[in-house]
Every structure is written in structure tokens, then in C-alpha cells.
Amino acid sequence: MLRFSGGDPAAFDALYARHRGGVFRYLLRQCANRAVAEELFQDVWMNLAQTRSRYRVQAKFSTYLYTLAHNRLIDHFRRHKGLQLVSLDQEEDDPIQLQASATLQPDRLAQSREQASRLLRLVAALPDAQREAFVLHEEGGLSLDEIVEVAGSNREAVKSRLRYALAKLRDGMKDYL
């Protein structure tokens, strides 16, 4: 980010390539609509580009980026009260895809898809704060302290949210474990 803020456009390409998947999945899991997630995704990257000259190193870049995404989500939800927060619509170009070897049997593939679908439904059913903490941790790869900074919460609250989210997900997936 320092290279990009210093005027190196190739550095933006590297940042985008490294973080686009996680940021998009974070937004997609928080929004009710793929088109809205795509719009928010573009807004986050445009905001990053527009504010690059003001960037100061205060934490990891990923923390800064997910804070931008989190703030954009908050702005969106404030403007559109009452929206559903999660979509489970799986489209062919969805970034979450199952990888299957050529030797995978159809019944194993069906079971894997069923497990993935079940997990996505369970994540969608989590309370908003738990889902956000879980997605930031799993999709964004953020540490506990980074999630605290992004969510604007305290460490104990984020730890509890993650613990409860994982317990609910484990309980919901116990038939597959």
C-alpha cells in the first residue's frame, strides 16, 4: 500500500489480486444481493484508490481494507434499513466453488455439495455480529485483534462472538463430522 500511495500503479494490481476474493466474499456474505455486494466491492476499491495519499501505517493493510469494507456496509445498511443481510444464492461464477478431482465419485460430490450448502445456511443463520466476526476471521484471515479494530468492538466481545459462532456451526454440522 505504501508503494501504491507513493504513485506506483502496479502496487494496486498486487493489492487487488491478493485481497479481492476475501473482500468480495465478506461483502457477499453480509448482503442480501449479489449485485449490491458487487457495487459495494467496487466502492471499497474506489475509496482505497481515492484516499491512497492519506494512507498511514497504523495496522496491517488487511485491517485497513476490511475496515473500509465494514464502514461501507454500515453506510449501505443505514440507507436501506430492513434489508436482509445474507444471500445464499449460488451462481456459477460465485467465488466459492467446490474443487473435485477426476476420480471423485458422484455420491461423494453430492455429499460435498450438501455439506457446503449446509454450512452456508448455518453461516447465514448466525446473528449479524457473530457472522461478521466469523467471516472476517475465515474469509479475511484477520486475527482477533484485527477484527476488534474493524468491528469497533472490544476483544472479549469478539472472542465471544467467534466462540458462539463456531459452537453453532459445529453443532449444525455434527452429522457430517
N, C-alpha and C. Protein backbone atom coordinates (compact mmCIF):
# COMPACT_ATOMS: atom_id res chain seq x y z
N MET A 1 0.83 -1.19 0.00
CA MET A 1 0.00 0.00 0.00
C MET A 1 0.87 1.25 0.00
N LEU A 2 1.99 1.17 0.67
CA LEU A 2 2.89 2.33 0.68
C LEU A 2 3.40 2.64 -0.73
N ARG A 3 3.70 1.60 -1.51
CA ARG A 3 4.13 1.83 -2.89
C ARG A 3 3.01 2.44 -3.70
N PHE A 4 1.79 1.96 -3.52
CA PHE A 4 0.64 2.50 -4.25
C PHE A 4 0.38 3.94 -3.84
N SER A 5 0.44 4.23 -2.56
CA SER A 5 0.21 5.60 -2.11
C SER A 5 1.32 6.53 -2.59
N GLY A 6 2.49 5.95 -2.90
CA GLY A 6 3.59 6.73 -3.44
C GLY A 6 3.53 6.92 -4.94
N GLY A 7 2.49 6.35 -5.59
CA GLY A 7 2.32 6.57 -7.02
C GLY A 7 2.60 5.38 -7.92
N ASP A 8 2.82 4.20 -7.36
CA ASP A 8 3.12 3.01 -8.16
C ASP A 8 1.81 2.28 -8.48
N PRO A 9 1.28 2.42 -9.72
CA PRO A 9 0.00 1.79 -10.05
C PRO A 9 0.07 0.26 -10.06
N ALA A 10 1.24 -0.32 -10.30
CA ALA A 10 1.37 -1.78 -10.28
C ALA A 10 1.13 -2.33 -8.87
N ALA A 11 1.40 -1.53 -7.87
CA ALA A 11 1.18 -1.96 -6.49
C ALA A 11 -0.31 -2.17 -6.22
N PHE A 12 -1.16 -1.35 -6.85
CA PHE A 12 -2.61 -1.53 -6.71
C PHE A 12 -3.01 -2.90 -7.26
N ASP A 13 -2.47 -3.25 -8.41
CA ASP A 13 -2.79 -4.55 -9.01
C ASP A 13 -2.42 -5.69 -8.06
N ALA A 14 -1.29 -5.57 -7.39
CA ALA A 14 -0.87 -6.60 -6.45
C ALA A 14 -1.81 -6.67 -5.25
N LEU A 15 -2.19 -5.51 -4.73
CA LEU A 15 -3.13 -5.48 -3.60
C LEU A 15 -4.47 -6.08 -3.99
N TYR A 16 -4.95 -5.70 -5.15
CA TYR A 16 -6.24 -6.18 -5.63
C TYR A 16 -6.21 -7.70 -5.83
N ALA A 17 -5.16 -8.19 -6.45
CA ALA A 17 -5.04 -9.63 -6.69
C ALA A 17 -4.99 -10.41 -5.38
N ARG A 18 -4.33 -9.87 -4.40
CA ARG A 18 -4.15 -10.57 -3.13
C ARG A 18 -5.42 -10.56 -2.27
N HIS A 19 -6.21 -9.49 -2.33
CA HIS A 19 -7.31 -9.32 -1.39
C HIS A 19 -8.71 -9.34 -1.99
N ARG A 20 -8.84 -9.38 -3.29
CA ARG A 20 -10.17 -9.26 -3.90
C ARG A 20 -11.12 -10.38 -3.50
N GLY A 21 -10.64 -11.62 -3.48
CA GLY A 21 -11.52 -12.74 -3.15
C GLY A 21 -12.09 -12.65 -1.75
N GLY A 22 -11.24 -12.41 -0.79
CA GLY A 22 -11.70 -12.32 0.60
C GLY A 22 -12.64 -11.17 0.83
N VAL A 23 -12.33 -10.02 0.27
CA VAL A 23 -13.19 -8.84 0.45
C VAL A 23 -14.55 -9.07 -0.21
N PHE A 24 -14.54 -9.64 -1.41
CA PHE A 24 -15.82 -9.87 -2.09
C PHE A 24 -16.66 -10.88 -1.31
N ARG A 25 -16.05 -11.96 -0.85
CA ARG A 25 -16.81 -12.96 -0.09
C ARG A 25 -17.35 -12.37 1.21
N TYR A 26 -16.57 -11.53 1.87
CA TYR A 26 -17.03 -10.85 3.08
C TYR A 26 -18.28 -10.03 2.77
N LEU A 27 -18.23 -9.22 1.73
CA LEU A 27 -19.38 -8.39 1.36
C LEU A 27 -20.56 -9.23 0.93
N LEU A 28 -20.30 -10.28 0.15
CA LEU A 28 -21.38 -11.14 -0.34
C LEU A 28 -22.09 -11.82 0.81
N ARG A 29 -21.37 -12.29 1.81
CA ARG A 29 -21.99 -12.99 2.94
C ARG A 29 -22.74 -12.02 3.85
N GLN A 30 -22.48 -10.74 3.74
CA GLN A 30 -23.17 -9.76 4.57
C GLN A 30 -24.35 -9.11 3.86
N CYS A 31 -24.45 -9.28 2.56
CA CYS A 31 -25.50 -8.60 1.77
C CYS A 31 -26.58 -9.57 1.33
N ALA A 32 -27.71 -9.01 0.99
CA ALA A 32 -28.84 -9.83 0.54
C ALA A 32 -28.83 -10.04 -0.96
N ASN A 33 -27.89 -9.43 -1.65
CA ASN A 33 -27.99 -9.39 -3.10
C ASN A 33 -26.59 -9.33 -3.71
N ARG A 34 -26.33 -10.19 -4.67
CA ARG A 34 -25.01 -10.23 -5.32
C ARG A 34 -24.68 -8.90 -6.00
N ALA A 35 -25.68 -8.30 -6.64
CA ALA A 35 -25.44 -7.02 -7.32
C ALA A 35 -25.04 -5.93 -6.32
N VAL A 36 -25.66 -5.94 -5.15
CA VAL A 36 -25.30 -4.97 -4.10
C VAL A 36 -23.88 -5.23 -3.63
N ALA A 37 -23.53 -6.51 -3.43
CA ALA A 37 -22.17 -6.85 -3.00
C ALA A 37 -21.15 -6.38 -4.03
N GLU A 38 -21.46 -6.56 -5.31
CA GLU A 38 -20.54 -6.11 -6.36
C GLU A 38 -20.39 -4.59 -6.35
N GLU A 39 -21.49 -3.88 -6.13
CA GLU A 39 -21.43 -2.42 -6.06
C GLU A 39 -20.59 -1.96 -4.86
N LEU A 40 -20.83 -2.57 -3.71
CA LEU A 40 -20.06 -2.23 -2.52
C LEU A 40 -18.58 -2.56 -2.70
N PHE A 41 -18.32 -3.69 -3.34
CA PHE A 41 -16.95 -4.12 -3.62
C PHE A 41 -16.23 -3.05 -4.45
N GLN A 42 -16.89 -2.58 -5.50
CA GLN A 42 -16.29 -1.52 -6.33
C GLN A 42 -16.08 -0.24 -5.53
N ASP A 43 -17.05 0.10 -4.68
CA ASP A 43 -16.93 1.30 -3.85
C ASP A 43 -15.73 1.22 -2.91
N VAL A 44 -15.52 0.05 -2.33
CA VAL A 44 -14.39 -0.12 -1.41
C VAL A 44 -13.06 0.12 -2.14
N TRP A 45 -12.92 -0.48 -3.32
CA TRP A 45 -11.66 -0.32 -4.06
C TRP A 45 -11.50 1.10 -4.59
N MET A 46 -12.60 1.72 -4.99
CA MET A 46 -12.51 3.12 -5.44
C MET A 46 -12.13 4.03 -4.28
N ASN A 47 -12.70 3.77 -3.12
CA ASN A 47 -12.37 4.55 -1.93
C ASN A 47 -10.90 4.39 -1.58
N LEU A 48 -10.41 3.17 -1.67
CA LEU A 48 -9.00 2.92 -1.41
C LEU A 48 -8.12 3.73 -2.36
N ALA A 49 -8.48 3.72 -3.64
CA ALA A 49 -7.69 4.45 -4.63
C ALA A 49 -7.75 5.96 -4.40
N GLN A 50 -8.93 6.46 -4.06
CA GLN A 50 -9.11 7.90 -3.88
C GLN A 50 -8.42 8.42 -2.63
N THR A 51 -8.30 7.58 -1.61
CA THR A 51 -7.71 8.04 -0.35
C THR A 51 -6.26 7.58 -0.16
N ARG A 52 -5.64 7.07 -1.21
CA ARG A 52 -4.29 6.50 -1.07
C ARG A 52 -3.27 7.49 -0.56
N SER A 53 -3.41 8.75 -0.91
CA SER A 53 -2.42 9.74 -0.47
C SER A 53 -2.50 10.00 1.04
N ARG A 54 -3.63 9.67 1.65
CA ARG A 54 -3.79 9.89 3.09
C ARG A 54 -3.49 8.65 3.91
N TYR A 55 -3.15 7.54 3.26
CA TYR A 55 -2.91 6.29 3.97
C TYR A 55 -1.70 6.42 4.88
N ARG A 56 -1.88 5.99 6.13
CA ARG A 56 -0.80 5.96 7.11
C ARG A 56 -0.79 4.57 7.73
N VAL A 57 0.39 4.02 7.92
CA VAL A 57 0.51 2.69 8.51
C VAL A 57 0.19 2.79 9.99
N GLN A 58 -0.93 2.16 10.37
CA GLN A 58 -1.31 2.10 11.79
C GLN A 58 -1.60 0.65 12.19
N ALA A 59 -1.79 -0.19 11.20
CA ALA A 59 -2.07 -1.62 11.43
C ALA A 59 -1.74 -2.33 10.13
N LYS A 60 -2.03 -3.64 10.09
CA LYS A 60 -1.83 -4.36 8.84
C LYS A 60 -2.73 -3.78 7.76
N PHE A 61 -2.31 -3.88 6.53
CA PHE A 61 -3.12 -3.36 5.43
C PHE A 61 -4.48 -4.04 5.39
N SER A 62 -4.52 -5.35 5.63
CA SER A 62 -5.81 -6.07 5.57
C SER A 62 -6.79 -5.50 6.59
N THR A 63 -6.31 -5.09 7.74
CA THR A 63 -7.19 -4.47 8.74
C THR A 63 -7.76 -3.18 8.19
N TYR A 64 -6.93 -2.39 7.57
CA TYR A 64 -7.37 -1.13 6.96
C TYR A 64 -8.41 -1.39 5.87
N LEU A 65 -8.14 -2.36 5.01
CA LEU A 65 -9.03 -2.67 3.90
C LEU A 65 -10.39 -3.19 4.40
N TYR A 66 -10.37 -4.10 5.35
CA TYR A 66 -11.64 -4.62 5.87
C TYR A 66 -12.39 -3.57 6.70
N THR A 67 -11.69 -2.63 7.26
CA THR A 67 -12.37 -1.51 7.92
C THR A 67 -13.11 -0.68 6.89
N LEU A 68 -12.49 -0.44 5.74
CA LEU A 68 -13.18 0.28 4.66
C LEU A 68 -14.43 -0.49 4.23
N ALA A 69 -14.30 -1.81 4.07
CA ALA A 69 -15.43 -2.63 3.65
C ALA A 69 -16.52 -2.62 4.72
N HIS A 70 -16.14 -2.76 5.97
CA HIS A 70 -17.10 -2.74 7.07
C HIS A 70 -17.85 -1.40 7.11
N ASN A 71 -17.12 -0.32 6.99
CA ASN A 71 -17.75 1.01 7.02
C ASN A 71 -18.69 1.21 5.84
N ARG A 72 -18.32 0.70 4.69
CA ARG A 72 -19.18 0.81 3.51
C ARG A 72 -20.47 0.02 3.71
N LEU A 73 -20.36 -1.16 4.32
CA LEU A 73 -21.55 -1.94 4.65
C LEU A 73 -22.46 -1.19 5.62
N ILE A 74 -21.88 -0.62 6.65
CA ILE A 74 -22.66 0.14 7.63
C ILE A 74 -23.40 1.27 6.94
N ASP A 75 -22.71 2.02 6.09
CA ASP A 75 -23.36 3.11 5.35
C ASP A 75 -24.51 2.59 4.51
N HIS A 76 -24.29 1.49 3.83
CA HIS A 76 -25.32 0.90 2.98
C HIS A 76 -26.55 0.50 3.80
N PHE A 77 -26.33 -0.18 4.92
CA PHE A 77 -27.45 -0.64 5.73
C PHE A 77 -28.19 0.51 6.39
N ARG A 78 -27.50 1.57 6.71
CA ARG A 78 -28.18 2.75 7.28
C ARG A 78 -29.12 3.37 6.26
N ARG A 79 -28.68 3.38 5.01
CA ARG A 79 -29.52 3.96 3.95
C ARG A 79 -30.67 3.05 3.55
N HIS A 80 -30.50 1.75 3.73
CA HIS A 80 -31.50 0.79 3.30
C HIS A 80 -31.94 -0.07 4.47
N LYS A 81 -32.55 0.54 5.45
CA LYS A 81 -32.99 -0.19 6.65
C LYS A 81 -33.93 -1.32 6.29
N GLY A 82 -33.83 -2.39 7.04
CA GLY A 82 -34.72 -3.52 6.86
C GLY A 82 -34.27 -4.53 5.83
N LEU A 83 -33.09 -4.34 5.28
CA LEU A 83 -32.61 -5.31 4.29
C LEU A 83 -32.16 -6.59 4.97
N GLN A 84 -32.33 -7.69 4.28
CA GLN A 84 -31.79 -8.96 4.74
C GLN A 84 -30.27 -8.91 4.53
N LEU A 85 -29.52 -9.48 5.44
CA LEU A 85 -28.08 -9.32 5.40
C LEU A 85 -27.30 -10.38 4.65
N VAL A 86 -27.87 -11.54 4.39
CA VAL A 86 -27.08 -12.61 3.80
C VAL A 86 -27.82 -13.23 2.64
N SER A 87 -27.07 -13.58 1.61
CA SER A 87 -27.62 -14.28 0.45
C SER A 87 -26.94 -15.62 0.32
N LEU A 88 -27.71 -16.63 0.04
CA LEU A 88 -27.13 -17.94 -0.22
C LEU A 88 -27.28 -18.32 -1.68
N ASP A 89 -27.62 -17.35 -2.52
CA ASP A 89 -27.76 -17.63 -3.94
C ASP A 89 -26.40 -18.02 -4.49
N GLN A 90 -26.31 -19.23 -4.98
CA GLN A 90 -25.06 -19.71 -5.57
C GLN A 90 -25.18 -19.63 -7.07
N GLU A 91 -24.34 -18.86 -7.66
CA GLU A 91 -24.32 -18.74 -9.10
C GLU A 91 -23.05 -19.42 -9.62
N GLU A 92 -23.02 -19.68 -10.89
CA GLU A 92 -21.88 -20.40 -11.46
C GLU A 92 -20.56 -19.66 -11.26
N ASP A 93 -20.60 -18.33 -11.26
CA ASP A 93 -19.36 -17.58 -11.12
C ASP A 93 -19.08 -17.16 -9.69
N ASP A 94 -19.80 -17.78 -8.72
CA ASP A 94 -19.57 -17.48 -7.32
C ASP A 94 -18.14 -17.88 -6.98
N PRO A 95 -17.42 -17.04 -6.22
CA PRO A 95 -16.04 -17.36 -5.90
C PRO A 95 -15.88 -18.62 -5.04
N ILE A 96 -16.95 -19.05 -4.34
CA ILE A 96 -16.85 -20.27 -3.56
C ILE A 96 -17.31 -21.42 -4.44
N GLN A 97 -16.37 -22.24 -4.84
CA GLN A 97 -16.67 -23.37 -5.69
C GLN A 97 -16.01 -24.60 -5.10
N LEU A 98 -16.65 -25.73 -5.31
CA LEU A 98 -16.06 -26.98 -4.85
C LEU A 98 -15.01 -27.45 -5.85
N GLN A 99 -13.88 -27.89 -5.34
CA GLN A 99 -12.84 -28.44 -6.19
C GLN A 99 -12.98 -29.96 -6.15
N ALA A 100 -13.10 -30.58 -7.29
CA ALA A 100 -13.28 -32.03 -7.33
C ALA A 100 -12.23 -32.66 -8.24
N SER A 101 -11.67 -33.76 -7.78
CA SER A 101 -10.72 -34.49 -8.62
C SER A 101 -11.49 -35.31 -9.64
N ALA A 102 -10.80 -35.76 -10.66
CA ALA A 102 -11.44 -36.55 -11.71
C ALA A 102 -11.93 -37.89 -11.18
N THR A 103 -11.35 -38.34 -10.07
CA THR A 103 -11.73 -39.65 -9.53
C THR A 103 -12.85 -39.56 -8.50
N LEU A 104 -13.33 -38.37 -8.20
CA LEU A 104 -14.38 -38.21 -7.20
C LEU A 104 -15.68 -38.80 -7.70
N GLN A 105 -16.25 -39.68 -6.92
CA GLN A 105 -17.49 -40.34 -7.28
C GLN A 105 -18.66 -39.38 -7.16
N PRO A 106 -19.70 -39.55 -7.97
CA PRO A 106 -20.86 -38.66 -7.92
C PRO A 106 -21.50 -38.55 -6.55
N ASP A 107 -21.55 -39.67 -5.80
CA ASP A 107 -22.17 -39.61 -4.48
C ASP A 107 -21.33 -38.78 -3.51
N ARG A 108 -20.00 -38.85 -3.63
CA ARG A 108 -19.12 -38.03 -2.79
C ARG A 108 -19.23 -36.56 -3.17
N LEU A 109 -19.34 -36.30 -4.46
CA LEU A 109 -19.52 -34.91 -4.91
C LEU A 109 -20.84 -34.36 -4.39
N ALA A 110 -21.89 -35.14 -4.46
CA ALA A 110 -23.20 -34.70 -3.96
C ALA A 110 -23.14 -34.45 -2.46
N GLN A 111 -22.45 -35.32 -1.73
CA GLN A 111 -22.31 -35.14 -0.29
C GLN A 111 -21.51 -33.87 0.02
N SER A 112 -20.45 -33.63 -0.73
CA SER A 112 -19.64 -32.42 -0.52
C SER A 112 -20.46 -31.17 -0.78
N ARG A 113 -21.26 -31.20 -1.83
CA ARG A 113 -22.11 -30.05 -2.12
C ARG A 113 -23.16 -29.84 -1.03
N GLU A 114 -23.71 -30.93 -0.55
CA GLU A 114 -24.69 -30.84 0.52
C GLU A 114 -24.06 -30.25 1.78
N GLN A 115 -22.85 -30.67 2.11
CA GLN A 115 -22.15 -30.14 3.27
C GLN A 115 -21.87 -28.65 3.10
N ALA A 116 -21.40 -28.26 1.92
CA ALA A 116 -21.11 -26.85 1.67
C ALA A 116 -22.38 -26.02 1.75
N SER A 117 -23.46 -26.52 1.19
CA SER A 117 -24.73 -25.81 1.24
C SER A 117 -25.21 -25.67 2.68
N ARG A 118 -25.08 -26.74 3.44
CA ARG A 118 -25.49 -26.72 4.86
C ARG A 118 -24.67 -25.69 5.62
N LEU A 119 -23.37 -25.66 5.40
CA LEU A 119 -22.50 -24.71 6.09
C LEU A 119 -22.89 -23.27 5.74
N LEU A 120 -23.15 -23.00 4.47
CA LEU A 120 -23.55 -21.66 4.07
C LEU A 120 -24.87 -21.25 4.73
N ARG A 121 -25.81 -22.17 4.83
CA ARG A 121 -27.09 -21.86 5.50
C ARG A 121 -26.86 -21.57 6.98
N LEU A 122 -25.98 -22.35 7.60
CA LEU A 122 -25.68 -22.14 9.02
C LEU A 122 -25.00 -20.78 9.23
N VAL A 123 -24.07 -20.44 8.36
CA VAL A 123 -23.41 -19.13 8.48
C VAL A 123 -24.44 -18.02 8.30
N ALA A 124 -25.34 -18.18 7.35
CA ALA A 124 -26.37 -17.17 7.11
C ALA A 124 -27.29 -17.01 8.30
N ALA A 125 -27.50 -18.09 9.06
CA ALA A 125 -28.42 -18.04 10.19
C ALA A 125 -27.78 -17.46 11.46
N LEU A 126 -26.47 -17.27 11.44
CA LEU A 126 -25.82 -16.69 12.62
C LEU A 126 -26.31 -15.27 12.85
N PRO A 127 -26.36 -14.83 14.10
CA PRO A 127 -26.65 -13.41 14.35
C PRO A 127 -25.61 -12.53 13.65
N ASP A 128 -26.00 -11.34 13.29
CA ASP A 128 -25.15 -10.46 12.48
C ASP A 128 -23.73 -10.31 13.04
N ALA A 129 -23.60 -10.02 14.31
CA ALA A 129 -22.27 -9.78 14.89
C ALA A 129 -21.42 -11.04 14.86
N GLN A 130 -22.04 -12.20 15.12
CA GLN A 130 -21.29 -13.46 15.07
C GLN A 130 -20.87 -13.77 13.65
N ARG A 131 -21.78 -13.56 12.70
CA ARG A 131 -21.45 -13.85 11.30
C ARG A 131 -20.32 -12.94 10.84
N GLU A 132 -20.38 -11.67 11.18
CA GLU A 132 -19.32 -10.76 10.75
C GLU A 132 -17.97 -11.18 11.31
N ALA A 133 -17.92 -11.50 12.59
CA ALA A 133 -16.65 -11.92 13.20
C ALA A 133 -16.13 -13.20 12.54
N PHE A 134 -17.04 -14.15 12.31
CA PHE A 134 -16.64 -15.42 11.69
C PHE A 134 -16.13 -15.19 10.27
N VAL A 135 -16.85 -14.41 9.47
CA VAL A 135 -16.45 -14.19 8.07
C VAL A 135 -15.15 -13.40 8.00
N LEU A 136 -14.98 -12.40 8.86
CA LEU A 136 -13.72 -11.65 8.87
C LEU A 136 -12.54 -12.58 9.22
N HIS A 137 -12.78 -13.51 10.13
CA HIS A 137 -11.72 -14.43 10.53
C HIS A 137 -11.43 -15.46 9.44
N GLU A 138 -12.49 -16.07 8.91
CA GLU A 138 -12.31 -17.16 7.95
C GLU A 138 -12.07 -16.68 6.53
N GLU A 139 -12.83 -15.72 6.07
CA GLU A 139 -12.69 -15.22 4.69
C GLU A 139 -11.56 -14.20 4.58
N GLY A 140 -11.48 -13.32 5.58
CA GLY A 140 -10.48 -12.27 5.52
C GLY A 140 -9.15 -12.65 6.12
N GLY A 141 -9.13 -13.72 6.90
CA GLY A 141 -7.89 -14.14 7.54
C GLY A 141 -7.42 -13.17 8.61
N LEU A 142 -8.34 -12.40 9.17
CA LEU A 142 -7.98 -11.41 10.18
C LEU A 142 -7.83 -12.07 11.54
N SER A 143 -6.90 -11.55 12.31
CA SER A 143 -6.70 -12.03 13.68
C SER A 143 -7.77 -11.44 14.58
N LEU A 144 -7.81 -11.91 15.80
CA LEU A 144 -8.78 -11.41 16.78
C LEU A 144 -8.63 -9.90 16.97
N ASP A 145 -7.41 -9.44 17.15
CA ASP A 145 -7.18 -8.01 17.36
C ASP A 145 -7.56 -7.18 16.13
N GLU A 146 -7.34 -7.72 14.96
CA GLU A 146 -7.72 -7.01 13.74
C GLU A 146 -9.24 -6.94 13.60
N ILE A 147 -9.94 -8.01 13.99
CA ILE A 147 -11.40 -7.99 13.95
C ILE A 147 -11.94 -6.96 14.94
N VAL A 148 -11.31 -6.87 16.10
CA VAL A 148 -11.69 -5.86 17.10
C VAL A 148 -11.61 -4.48 16.49
N GLU A 149 -10.53 -4.22 15.78
CA GLU A 149 -10.34 -2.90 15.17
C GLU A 149 -11.36 -2.64 14.06
N VAL A 150 -11.59 -3.63 13.21
CA VAL A 150 -12.53 -3.47 12.10
C VAL A 150 -13.95 -3.27 12.62
N ALA A 151 -14.36 -4.10 13.56
CA ALA A 151 -15.74 -4.08 14.06
C ALA A 151 -15.98 -2.97 15.06
N GLY A 152 -14.92 -2.35 15.57
CA GLY A 152 -15.08 -1.29 16.55
C GLY A 152 -15.67 -1.80 17.85
N SER A 153 -15.25 -2.99 18.23
CA SER A 153 -15.77 -3.63 19.43
C SER A 153 -14.61 -3.88 20.38
N ASN A 154 -14.89 -4.60 21.48
CA ASN A 154 -13.79 -4.94 22.38
C ASN A 154 -13.39 -6.40 22.20
N ARG A 155 -12.23 -6.73 22.70
CA ARG A 155 -11.63 -8.04 22.47
C ARG A 155 -12.51 -9.18 23.02
N GLU A 156 -13.02 -9.02 24.22
CA GLU A 156 -13.83 -10.07 24.83
C GLU A 156 -15.12 -10.30 24.05
N ALA A 157 -15.73 -9.24 23.56
CA ALA A 157 -16.97 -9.38 22.79
C ALA A 157 -16.69 -10.15 21.49
N VAL A 158 -15.59 -9.83 20.82
CA VAL A 158 -15.25 -10.52 19.57
C VAL A 158 -14.91 -11.97 19.85
N LYS A 159 -14.18 -12.25 20.91
CA LYS A 159 -13.87 -13.64 21.27
C LYS A 159 -15.16 -14.42 21.51
N SER A 160 -16.09 -13.82 22.23
CA SER A 160 -17.37 -14.49 22.49
C SER A 160 -18.14 -14.73 21.21
N ARG A 161 -18.17 -13.74 20.33
CA ARG A 161 -18.88 -13.89 19.06
C ARG A 161 -18.31 -15.05 18.25
N LEU A 162 -16.99 -15.11 18.18
CA LEU A 162 -16.34 -16.20 17.44
C LEU A 162 -16.62 -17.55 18.10
N ARG A 163 -16.52 -17.60 19.41
CA ARG A 163 -16.75 -18.85 20.13
C ARG A 163 -18.18 -19.34 19.91
N TYR A 164 -19.16 -18.45 20.05
CA TYR A 164 -20.56 -18.84 19.85
C TYR A 164 -20.83 -19.23 18.40
N ALA A 165 -20.25 -18.49 17.47
CA ALA A 165 -20.44 -18.82 16.05
C ALA A 165 -19.89 -20.21 15.75
N LEU A 166 -18.68 -20.49 16.21
CA LEU A 166 -18.08 -21.80 15.97
C LEU A 166 -18.88 -22.92 16.63
N ALA A 167 -19.37 -22.67 17.83
CA ALA A 167 -20.18 -23.69 18.52
C ALA A 167 -21.46 -23.98 17.73
N LYS A 168 -22.12 -22.94 17.23
CA LYS A 168 -23.34 -23.13 16.44
C LYS A 168 -23.05 -23.86 15.14
N LEU A 169 -21.96 -23.50 14.50
CA LEU A 169 -21.60 -24.16 13.24
C LEU A 169 -21.23 -25.63 13.47
N ARG A 170 -20.45 -25.90 14.52
CA ARG A 170 -20.10 -27.30 14.84
C ARG A 170 -21.36 -28.11 15.14
N ASP A 171 -22.25 -27.53 15.93
CA ASP A 171 -23.48 -28.23 16.27
C ASP A 171 -24.30 -28.51 15.00
N GLY A 172 -24.39 -27.54 14.12
CA GLY A 172 -25.15 -27.71 12.89
C GLY A 172 -24.52 -28.69 11.91
N MET A 173 -23.23 -28.88 12.02
CA MET A 173 -22.52 -29.78 11.10
C MET A 173 -22.18 -31.12 11.75
N LYS A 174 -22.67 -31.39 12.96
CA LYS A 174 -22.27 -32.61 13.68
C LYS A 174 -22.62 -33.88 12.92
N ASP A 175 -23.64 -33.85 12.08
CA ASP A 175 -23.98 -35.04 11.29
C ASP A 175 -22.91 -35.35 10.24
N TYR A 176 -22.08 -34.37 9.91
CA TYR A 176 -21.05 -34.55 8.88
C TYR A 176 -19.66 -34.77 9.47
N LEU A 177 -19.53 -34.59 10.75
CA LEU A 177 -18.21 -34.71 11.39
C LEU A 177 -17.89 -36.12 11.77
